[in-house]
Amino acid sequence: MPSALPAAVWRASQLGHAAVTALSSGFPALDAELPGAGWPAGMLTELIGREPGIGELRLLVPLLRPLTRERRFVVLLAPPHVPYAPALASHGIDLDYLLVVQAPNAADRLWAVEQALGSASFGALLAWLPQEKTRPEHLRRMQLAAQSAGGPVFLFRQLAAQFEASPAPLRLLLLPRPDERLSVQILKRRGPLMADPLLLDLPQPVTAIRLRASPLADPAQRPPMHASRIRPDASHAGALH
């Protein structure tokens, strides 16, 4: 009898809440569809989008704000745009606990993700993976390493990745809407298939933000891999996607 099964046994017809440590996404409708009722810790979450700057970072603002206020580091690994400090601060994110790691080469980036996962000392890890160089074995190693992480791990991937197999237990497709909302389709989760996407109203900054591509997008201008803090008086323009 199904009712006689232990609570830890996941039934494919139900969301896999058992033994899932999760942090609220800040969106009640999304939490209701996520195993553990939030962004899961100790496993990979893939956020797949057509291009950077469609609202993927604003989707995570309700998570990043309390993490940084609790003095837990949030690591941004190889973001495609230079983060714009005033925009981040306007969302209530404590910049002292935001660490940006520049890893211009694909091999460096994949290595840096695994090293960050091995440290397990972050509140959340956000990593942008190189589409052409990321292979299934890379993702399997990341998923194994993520199991010791105390916070959520987000991998940002390009649109073509939705058709590739992945060991990530949670995969979401993000698409912008003309009404400034974000369409979130859950492609994979520990639970039943989700037929219709969610339409989410994203947090808005206090001031309007212009997006400008980072000079790091040009391989000729890329510096070696390094980590840095975001300073409140940073003058370089960038993006809060």
C-alpha atoms as a PDB file:
ATOM      1  CA  MET A   1       0.000   0.000   0.000  1.00  0.00           C
ATOM      2  CA  PRO A   2       1.403   3.465  -0.900  1.00  0.00           C
ATOM      3  CA  SER A   3       0.295   4.855   2.488  1.00  0.00           C
ATOM      4  CA  ALA A   4       2.518   2.307   4.234  1.00  0.00           C
ATOM      5  CA  LEU A   5       5.683   3.632   2.561  1.00  0.00           C
ATOM      6  CA  PRO A   6       8.125   5.574   4.737  1.00  0.00           C
ATOM      7  CA  ALA A   7       7.929   9.369   4.536  1.00  0.00           C
ATOM      8  CA  ALA A   8      11.436   9.498   3.036  1.00  0.00           C
ATOM      9  CA  VAL A   9      10.282   7.543  -0.033  1.00  0.00           C
ATOM     10  CA  TRP A  10       9.520   9.945  -2.853  1.00  0.00           C
ATOM     11  CA  ARG A  11       6.397   9.212  -4.908  1.00  0.00           C
ATOM     12  CA  ALA A  12       6.701  10.467  -8.482  1.00  0.00           C
ATOM     13  CA  SER A  13       3.146  11.815  -8.352  1.00  0.00           C
ATOM     14  CA  GLN A  14       4.060  14.150  -5.478  1.00  0.00           C
ATOM     15  CA  LEU A  15       6.637  16.847  -4.863  1.00  0.00           C
ATOM     16  CA  GLY A  16       9.749  15.472  -3.177  1.00  0.00           C
ATOM     17  CA  HIS A  17       9.667  17.437   0.096  1.00  0.00           C
ATOM     18  CA  ALA A  18      11.306  14.769   2.252  1.00  0.00           C
ATOM     19  CA  ALA A  19      14.880  15.493   3.356  1.00  0.00           C
ATOM     20  CA  VAL A  20      15.052  18.656   1.217  1.00  0.00           C
ATOM     21  CA  THR A  21      16.553  21.718   2.899  1.00  0.00           C
ATOM     22  CA  ALA A  22      15.310  24.763   1.036  1.00  0.00           C
ATOM     23  CA  LEU A  23      15.147  28.550   1.306  1.00  0.00           C
ATOM     24  CA  SER A  24      12.064  30.433   0.200  1.00  0.00           C
ATOM     25  CA  SER A  25      12.248  31.966  -3.261  1.00  0.00           C
ATOM     26  CA  GLY A  26      10.158  34.894  -2.078  1.00  0.00           C
ATOM     27  CA  PHE A  27       7.425  34.011  -4.590  1.00  0.00           C
ATOM     28  CA  PRO A  28       4.625  31.981  -2.947  1.00  0.00           C
ATOM     29  CA  ALA A  29       3.411  30.594  -6.284  1.00  0.00           C
ATOM     30  CA  LEU A  30       6.919  29.359  -7.118  1.00  0.00           C
ATOM     31  CA  ASP A  31       7.553  27.946  -3.640  1.00  0.00           C
ATOM     32  CA  ALA A  32       4.384  25.889  -3.992  1.00  0.00           C
ATOM     33  CA  GLU A  33       5.874  24.172  -7.054  1.00  0.00           C
ATOM     34  CA  LEU A  34       9.397  23.580  -5.741  1.00  0.00           C
ATOM     35  CA  PRO A  35      10.434  20.505  -3.754  1.00  0.00           C
ATOM     36  CA  GLY A  36      11.028  21.644  -0.196  1.00  0.00           C
ATOM     37  CA  ALA A  37       8.925  24.772  -0.876  1.00  0.00           C
ATOM     38  CA  GLY A  38      11.907  26.865  -1.979  1.00  0.00           C
ATOM     39  CA  TRP A  39      15.340  26.897  -3.584  1.00  0.00           C
ATOM     40  CA  PRO A  40      16.983  23.614  -2.546  1.00  0.00           C
ATOM     41  CA  ALA A  41      20.391  23.509  -0.848  1.00  0.00           C
ATOM     42  CA  GLY A  42      22.868  20.730  -1.519  1.00  0.00           C
ATOM     43  CA  MET A  43      21.935  20.262  -5.166  1.00  0.00           C
ATOM     44  CA  LEU A  44      22.180  22.008  -8.508  1.00  0.00           C
ATOM     45  CA  THR A  45      19.473  24.279  -9.847  1.00  0.00           C
ATOM     46  CA  GLU A  46      19.772  25.153 -13.527  1.00  0.00           C
ATOM     47  CA  LEU A  47      18.318  28.453 -14.718  1.00  0.00           C
ATOM     48  CA  ILE A  48      18.097  28.328 -18.512  1.00  0.00           C
ATOM     49  CA  GLY A  49      17.512  31.493 -20.496  1.00  0.00           C
ATOM     50  CA  ARG A  50      17.700  32.888 -23.994  1.00  0.00           C
ATOM     51  CA  GLU A  51      20.243  35.553 -23.055  1.00  0.00           C
ATOM     52  CA  PRO A  52      21.571  37.371 -19.986  1.00  0.00           C
ATOM     53  CA  GLY A  53      19.580  40.303 -18.670  1.00  0.00           C
ATOM     54  CA  ILE A  54      16.044  38.900 -18.854  1.00  0.00           C
ATOM     55  CA  GLY A  55      15.419  39.128 -15.103  1.00  0.00           C
ATOM     56  CA  GLU A  56      17.327  36.085 -13.851  1.00  0.00           C
ATOM     57  CA  LEU A  57      19.090  37.992 -11.065  1.00  0.00           C
ATOM     58  CA  ARG A  58      15.948  39.829  -9.987  1.00  0.00           C
ATOM     59  CA  LEU A  59      14.337  36.412  -9.636  1.00  0.00           C
ATOM     60  CA  LEU A  60      16.929  35.675  -6.957  1.00  0.00           C
ATOM     61  CA  VAL A  61      16.814  39.053  -5.162  1.00  0.00           C
ATOM     62  CA  PRO A  62      14.382  37.816  -2.454  1.00  0.00           C
ATOM     63  CA  LEU A  63      16.924  35.075  -1.657  1.00  0.00           C
ATOM     64  CA  LEU A  64      20.117  37.138  -1.886  1.00  0.00           C
ATOM     65  CA  ARG A  65      18.831  39.995   0.270  1.00  0.00           C
ATOM     66  CA  PRO A  66      18.416  38.005   3.519  1.00  0.00           C
ATOM     67  CA  LEU A  67      21.522  35.905   2.895  1.00  0.00           C
ATOM     68  CA  THR A  68      23.797  38.938   2.693  1.00  0.00           C
ATOM     69  CA  ARG A  69      22.071  40.594   5.649  1.00  0.00           C
ATOM     70  CA  GLU A  70      22.817  37.440   7.626  1.00  0.00           C
ATOM     71  CA  ARG A  71      26.498  37.945   6.661  1.00  0.00           C
ATOM     72  CA  ARG A  72      26.592  34.905   4.420  1.00  0.00           C
ATOM     73  CA  PHE A  73      28.652  35.283   1.266  1.00  0.00           C
ATOM     74  CA  VAL A  74      26.992  35.123  -2.138  1.00  0.00           C
ATOM     75  CA  VAL A  75      29.438  34.165  -4.900  1.00  0.00           C
ATOM     76  CA  LEU A  76      28.862  35.352  -8.475  1.00  0.00           C
ATOM     77  CA  LEU A  77      31.151  33.290 -10.683  1.00  0.00           C
ATOM     78  CA  ALA A  78      31.856  34.593 -14.206  1.00  0.00           C
ATOM     79  CA  PRO A  79      28.808  36.874 -14.627  1.00  0.00           C
ATOM     80  CA  PRO A  80      28.452  38.051 -18.262  1.00  0.00           C
ATOM     81  CA  HIS A  81      27.905  41.663 -17.122  1.00  0.00           C
ATOM     82  CA  VAL A  82      29.696  43.700 -14.492  1.00  0.00           C
ATOM     83  CA  PRO A  83      27.274  43.854 -11.524  1.00  0.00           C
ATOM     84  CA  TYR A  84      26.062  47.406 -10.935  1.00  0.00           C
ATOM     85  CA  ALA A  85      26.577  48.194  -7.265  1.00  0.00           C
ATOM     86  CA  PRO A  86      23.879  50.906  -6.826  1.00  0.00           C
ATOM     87  CA  ALA A  87      21.225  48.620  -8.322  1.00  0.00           C
ATOM     88  CA  LEU A  88      22.191  45.764  -6.014  1.00  0.00           C
ATOM     89  CA  ALA A  89      22.152  48.078  -2.990  1.00  0.00           C
ATOM     90  CA  SER A  90      18.747  49.467  -4.001  1.00  0.00           C
ATOM     91  CA  HIS A  91      17.373  45.935  -3.651  1.00  0.00           C
ATOM     92  CA  GLY A  92      18.673  45.748  -0.075  1.00  0.00           C
ATOM     93  CA  ILE A  93      21.640  43.490  -0.844  1.00  0.00           C
ATOM     94  CA  ASP A  94      24.654  43.998   1.435  1.00  0.00           C
ATOM     95  CA  LEU A  95      27.564  44.478  -0.965  1.00  0.00           C
ATOM     96  CA  ASP A  96      30.134  43.532   1.678  1.00  0.00           C
ATOM     97  CA  TYR A  97      28.947  39.938   1.365  1.00  0.00           C
ATOM     98  CA  LEU A  98      28.871  39.743  -2.423  1.00  0.00           C
ATOM     99  CA  LEU A  99      31.951  38.176  -4.013  1.00  0.00           C
ATOM    100  CA  VAL A 100      32.545  38.287  -7.780  1.00  0.00           C
ATOM    101  CA  VAL A 101      34.926  35.760  -9.352  1.00  0.00           C
ATOM    102  CA  GLN A 102      36.127  36.509 -12.868  1.00  0.00           C
ATOM    103  CA  ALA A 103      36.986  33.339 -14.789  1.00  0.00           C
ATOM    104  CA  PRO A 104      37.240  34.254 -18.483  1.00  0.00           C
ATOM    105  CA  ASN A 105      38.454  30.897 -19.798  1.00  0.00           C
ATOM    106  CA  ALA A 106      36.027  27.979 -19.981  1.00  0.00           C
ATOM    107  CA  ALA A 107      38.429  25.581 -18.268  1.00  0.00           C
ATOM    108  CA  ASP A 108      39.098  28.097 -15.477  1.00  0.00           C
ATOM    109  CA  ARG A 109      35.385  28.636 -14.998  1.00  0.00           C
ATOM    110  CA  LEU A 110      34.552  24.954 -14.675  1.00  0.00           C
ATOM    111  CA  TRP A 111      37.481  24.457 -12.285  1.00  0.00           C
ATOM    112  CA  ALA A 112      36.405  27.455 -10.199  1.00  0.00           C
ATOM    113  CA  VAL A 113      32.847  26.129  -9.851  1.00  0.00           C
ATOM    114  CA  GLU A 114      34.100  22.809  -8.496  1.00  0.00           C
ATOM    115  CA  GLN A 115      36.509  24.554  -6.128  1.00  0.00           C
ATOM    116  CA  ALA A 116      33.766  26.825  -4.810  1.00  0.00           C
ATOM    117  CA  LEU A 117      31.465  23.852  -4.289  1.00  0.00           C
ATOM    118  CA  GLY A 118      34.217  22.051  -2.413  1.00  0.00           C
ATOM    119  CA  SER A 119      34.597  24.933   0.025  1.00  0.00           C
ATOM    120  CA  ALA A 120      30.904  24.789   1.023  1.00  0.00           C
ATOM    121  CA  SER A 121      31.379  28.116   2.824  1.00  0.00           C
ATOM    122  CA  PHE A 122      28.926  30.251   0.860  1.00  0.00           C
ATOM    123  CA  GLY A 123      25.330  31.267   1.377  1.00  0.00           C
ATOM    124  CA  ALA A 124      24.602  30.829  -2.331  1.00  0.00           C
ATOM    125  CA  LEU A 125      26.647  30.216  -5.476  1.00  0.00           C
ATOM    126  CA  LEU A 126      25.630  31.684  -8.835  1.00  0.00           C
ATOM    127  CA  ALA A 127      27.726  30.439 -11.757  1.00  0.00           C
ATOM    128  CA  TRP A 128      27.466  31.107 -15.488  1.00  0.00           C
ATOM    129  CA  LEU A 129      28.637  28.049 -17.418  1.00  0.00           C
ATOM    130  CA  PRO A 130      30.239  28.032 -20.869  1.00  0.00           C
ATOM    131  CA  GLN A 131      27.740  26.361 -23.171  1.00  0.00           C
ATOM    132  CA  GLU A 132      30.203  24.918 -25.660  1.00  0.00           C
ATOM    133  CA  LYS A 133      32.569  23.451 -23.060  1.00  0.00           C
ATOM    134  CA  THR A 134      30.197  22.083 -20.409  1.00  0.00           C
ATOM    135  CA  ARG A 135      29.928  18.309 -20.691  1.00  0.00           C
ATOM    136  CA  PRO A 136      27.737  15.843 -18.756  1.00  0.00           C
ATOM    137  CA  GLU A 137      30.701  14.647 -16.693  1.00  0.00           C
ATOM    138  CA  HIS A 138      31.316  18.225 -15.508  1.00  0.00           C
ATOM    139  CA  LEU A 139      27.733  18.488 -14.317  1.00  0.00           C
ATOM    140  CA  ARG A 140      27.874  15.113 -12.578  1.00  0.00           C
ATOM    141  CA  ARG A 141      30.970  16.182 -10.627  1.00  0.00           C
ATOM    142  CA  MET A 142      29.294  19.466  -9.723  1.00  0.00           C
ATOM    143  CA  GLN A 143      26.162  17.710  -8.515  1.00  0.00           C
ATOM    144  CA  LEU A 144      28.236  15.390  -6.318  1.00  0.00           C
ATOM    145  CA  ALA A 145      30.204  18.319  -4.914  1.00  0.00           C
ATOM    146  CA  ALA A 146      27.031  20.361  -4.351  1.00  0.00           C
ATOM    147  CA  GLN A 147      25.691  17.777  -1.904  1.00  0.00           C
ATOM    148  CA  SER A 148      27.999  19.173   0.788  1.00  0.00           C
ATOM    149  CA  ALA A 149      26.972  22.786   0.135  1.00  0.00           C
ATOM    150  CA  GLY A 150      24.981  24.547   2.810  1.00  0.00           C
ATOM    151  CA  GLY A 151      23.223  26.872   0.388  1.00  0.00           C
ATOM    152  CA  PRO A 152      21.559  26.868  -3.034  1.00  0.00           C
ATOM    153  CA  VAL A 153      23.698  26.428  -6.155  1.00  0.00           C
ATOM    154  CA  PHE A 154      22.487  28.060  -9.378  1.00  0.00           C
ATOM    155  CA  LEU A 155      23.939  27.322 -12.799  1.00  0.00           C
ATOM    156  CA  PHE A 156      22.970  29.768 -15.530  1.00  0.00           C
ATOM    157  CA  ARG A 157      22.879  28.069 -18.913  1.00  0.00           C
ATOM    158  CA  GLN A 158      21.984  29.026 -22.467  1.00  0.00           C
ATOM    159  CA  LEU A 159      18.727  28.140 -24.184  1.00  0.00           C
ATOM    160  CA  ALA A 160      20.082  25.103 -26.029  1.00  0.00           C
ATOM    161  CA  ALA A 161      20.801  23.406 -22.697  1.00  0.00           C
ATOM    162  CA  GLN A 162      17.093  22.693 -22.192  1.00  0.00           C
ATOM    163  CA  PHE A 163      17.361  19.860 -24.725  1.00  0.00           C
ATOM    164  CA  GLU A 164      20.409  18.286 -23.083  1.00  0.00           C
ATOM    165  CA  ALA A 165      20.369  15.664 -20.352  1.00  0.00           C
ATOM    166  CA  SER A 166      21.508  16.946 -16.960  1.00  0.00           C
ATOM    167  CA  PRO A 167      21.962  15.440 -13.481  1.00  0.00           C
ATOM    168  CA  ALA A 168      20.653  18.669 -11.909  1.00  0.00           C
ATOM    169  CA  PRO A 169      17.547  17.728  -9.872  1.00  0.00           C
ATOM    170  CA  LEU A 170      15.897  21.102 -10.601  1.00  0.00           C
ATOM    171  CA  ARG A 171      15.838  22.793 -14.011  1.00  0.00           C
ATOM    172  CA  LEU A 172      13.895  25.950 -14.881  1.00  0.00           C
ATOM    173  CA  LEU A 173      13.354  27.675 -18.212  1.00  0.00           C
ATOM    174  CA  LEU A 174      13.166  31.471 -17.920  1.00  0.00           C
ATOM    175  CA  LEU A 175      11.566  33.580 -20.656  1.00  0.00           C
ATOM    176  CA  PRO A 176      10.895  37.339 -20.575  1.00  0.00           C
ATOM    177  CA  ARG A 177       7.394  38.685 -21.108  1.00  0.00           C
ATOM    178  CA  PRO A 178       6.441  41.995 -22.768  1.00  0.00           C
ATOM    179  CA  ASP A 179       4.532  42.985 -19.601  1.00  0.00           C
ATOM    180  CA  GLU A 180       7.800  43.014 -17.574  1.00  0.00           C
ATOM    181  CA  ARG A 181       6.979  39.689 -15.933  1.00  0.00           C
ATOM    182  CA  LEU A 182       9.110  36.563 -16.106  1.00  0.00           C
ATOM    183  CA  SER A 183       7.791  33.242 -17.356  1.00  0.00           C
ATOM    184  CA  VAL A 184       9.157  30.346 -15.293  1.00  0.00           C
ATOM    185  CA  GLN A 185       8.671  26.839 -16.661  1.00  0.00           C
ATOM    186  CA  ILE A 186       9.851  23.953 -14.484  1.00  0.00           C
ATOM    187  CA  LEU A 187      11.470  21.485 -16.868  1.00  0.00           C
ATOM    188  CA  LYS A 188      12.616  19.014 -14.227  1.00  0.00           C
ATOM    189  CA  ARG A 189      11.890  18.516 -10.536  1.00  0.00           C
ATOM    190  CA  ARG A 190      11.351  15.722  -8.071  1.00  0.00           C
ATOM    191  CA  GLY A 191       7.654  15.608  -8.693  1.00  0.00           C
ATOM    192  CA  PRO A 192       5.014  15.501 -11.445  1.00  0.00           C
ATOM    193  CA  LEU A 193       5.392  17.365 -14.709  1.00  0.00           C
ATOM    194  CA  MET A 194       4.283  20.979 -14.676  1.00  0.00           C
ATOM    195  CA  ALA A 195       2.136  21.773 -17.693  1.00  0.00           C
ATOM    196  CA  ASP A 196       1.906  25.562 -17.542  1.00  0.00           C
ATOM    197  CA  PRO A 197       4.588  28.135 -16.711  1.00  0.00           C
ATOM    198  CA  LEU A 198       4.340  30.552 -13.811  1.00  0.00           C
ATOM    199  CA  LEU A 199       4.205  34.285 -14.530  1.00  0.00           C
ATOM    200  CA  LEU A 200       6.098  36.176 -11.836  1.00  0.00           C
ATOM    201  CA  ASP A 201       6.235  39.896 -11.071  1.00  0.00           C
ATOM    202  CA  LEU A 202       9.898  40.600 -10.418  1.00  0.00           C
ATOM    203  CA  PRO A 203      11.203  43.002  -7.754  1.00  0.00           C
ATOM    204  CA  GLN A 204      11.824  46.484  -9.098  1.00  0.00           C
ATOM    205  CA  PRO A 205      14.825  48.622  -8.127  1.00  0.00           C
ATOM    206  CA  VAL A 206      14.374  52.093  -6.718  1.00  0.00           C
ATOM    207  CA  THR A 207      15.998  53.636  -9.807  1.00  0.00           C
ATOM    208  CA  ALA A 208      15.937  52.619 -13.432  1.00  0.00           C
ATOM    209  CA  ILE A 209      18.922  50.534 -14.480  1.00  0.00           C
ATOM    210  CA  ARG A 210      20.510  50.583 -17.909  1.00  0.00           C
ATOM    211  CA  LEU A 211      22.251  47.441 -19.104  1.00  0.00           C
ATOM    212  CA  ARG A 212      25.624  47.557 -20.766  1.00  0.00           C
ATOM    213  CA  ALA A 213      27.725  44.574 -21.728  1.00  0.00           C
ATOM    214  CA  SER A 214      30.825  44.046 -19.668  1.00  0.00           C
ATOM    215  CA  PRO A 215      34.158  44.738 -21.394  1.00  0.00           C
ATOM    216  CA  LEU A 216      35.037  41.217 -20.233  1.00  0.00           C
ATOM    217  CA  ALA A 217      32.827  39.953 -23.068  1.00  0.00           C
ATOM    218  CA  ASP A 218      35.733  40.793 -25.393  1.00  0.00           C
ATOM    219  CA  PRO A 219      38.335  37.990 -25.028  1.00  0.00           C
ATOM    220  CA  ALA A 220      41.143  40.450 -25.839  1.00  0.00           C
ATOM    221  CA  GLN A 221      40.279  42.518 -22.767  1.00  0.00           C
ATOM    222  CA  ARG A 222      39.785  39.698 -20.281  1.00  0.00           C
ATOM    223  CA  PRO A 223      42.098  39.649 -17.251  1.00  0.00           C
ATOM    224  CA  PRO A 224      43.245  36.452 -15.510  1.00  0.00           C
ATOM    225  CA  MET A 225      40.830  34.762 -13.138  1.00  0.00           C
ATOM    226  CA  HIS A 226      40.424  36.657  -9.865  1.00  0.00           C
ATOM    227  CA  ALA A 227      37.892  37.432  -7.175  1.00  0.00           C
ATOM    228  CA  SER A 228      36.789  40.854  -5.969  1.00  0.00           C
ATOM    229  CA  ARG A 229      34.212  42.584  -3.819  1.00  0.00           C
ATOM    230  CA  ILE A 230      31.610  44.928  -5.268  1.00  0.00           C
ATOM    231  CA  ARG A 231      32.040  48.394  -3.825  1.00  0.00           C
ATOM    232  CA  PRO A 232      29.102  50.779  -3.285  1.00  0.00           C
ATOM    233  CA  ASP A 233      30.958  53.590  -5.094  1.00  0.00           C
ATOM    234  CA  ALA A 234      31.742  51.475  -8.159  1.00  0.00           C
ATOM    235  CA  SER A 235      31.569  53.744 -11.182  1.00  0.00           C
ATOM    236  CA  HIS A 236      31.503  51.087 -13.903  1.00  0.00           C
ATOM    237  CA  ALA A 237      28.126  50.412 -15.445  1.00  0.00           C
ATOM    238  CA  GLY A 238      26.838  46.898 -15.531  1.00  0.00           C
ATOM    239  CA  ALA A 239      23.696  44.899 -14.987  1.00  0.00           C
ATOM    240  CA  LEU A 240      21.214  43.615 -12.513  1.00  0.00           C
ATOM    241  CA  HIS A 241      19.453  41.091 -14.734  1.00  0.00           C
END
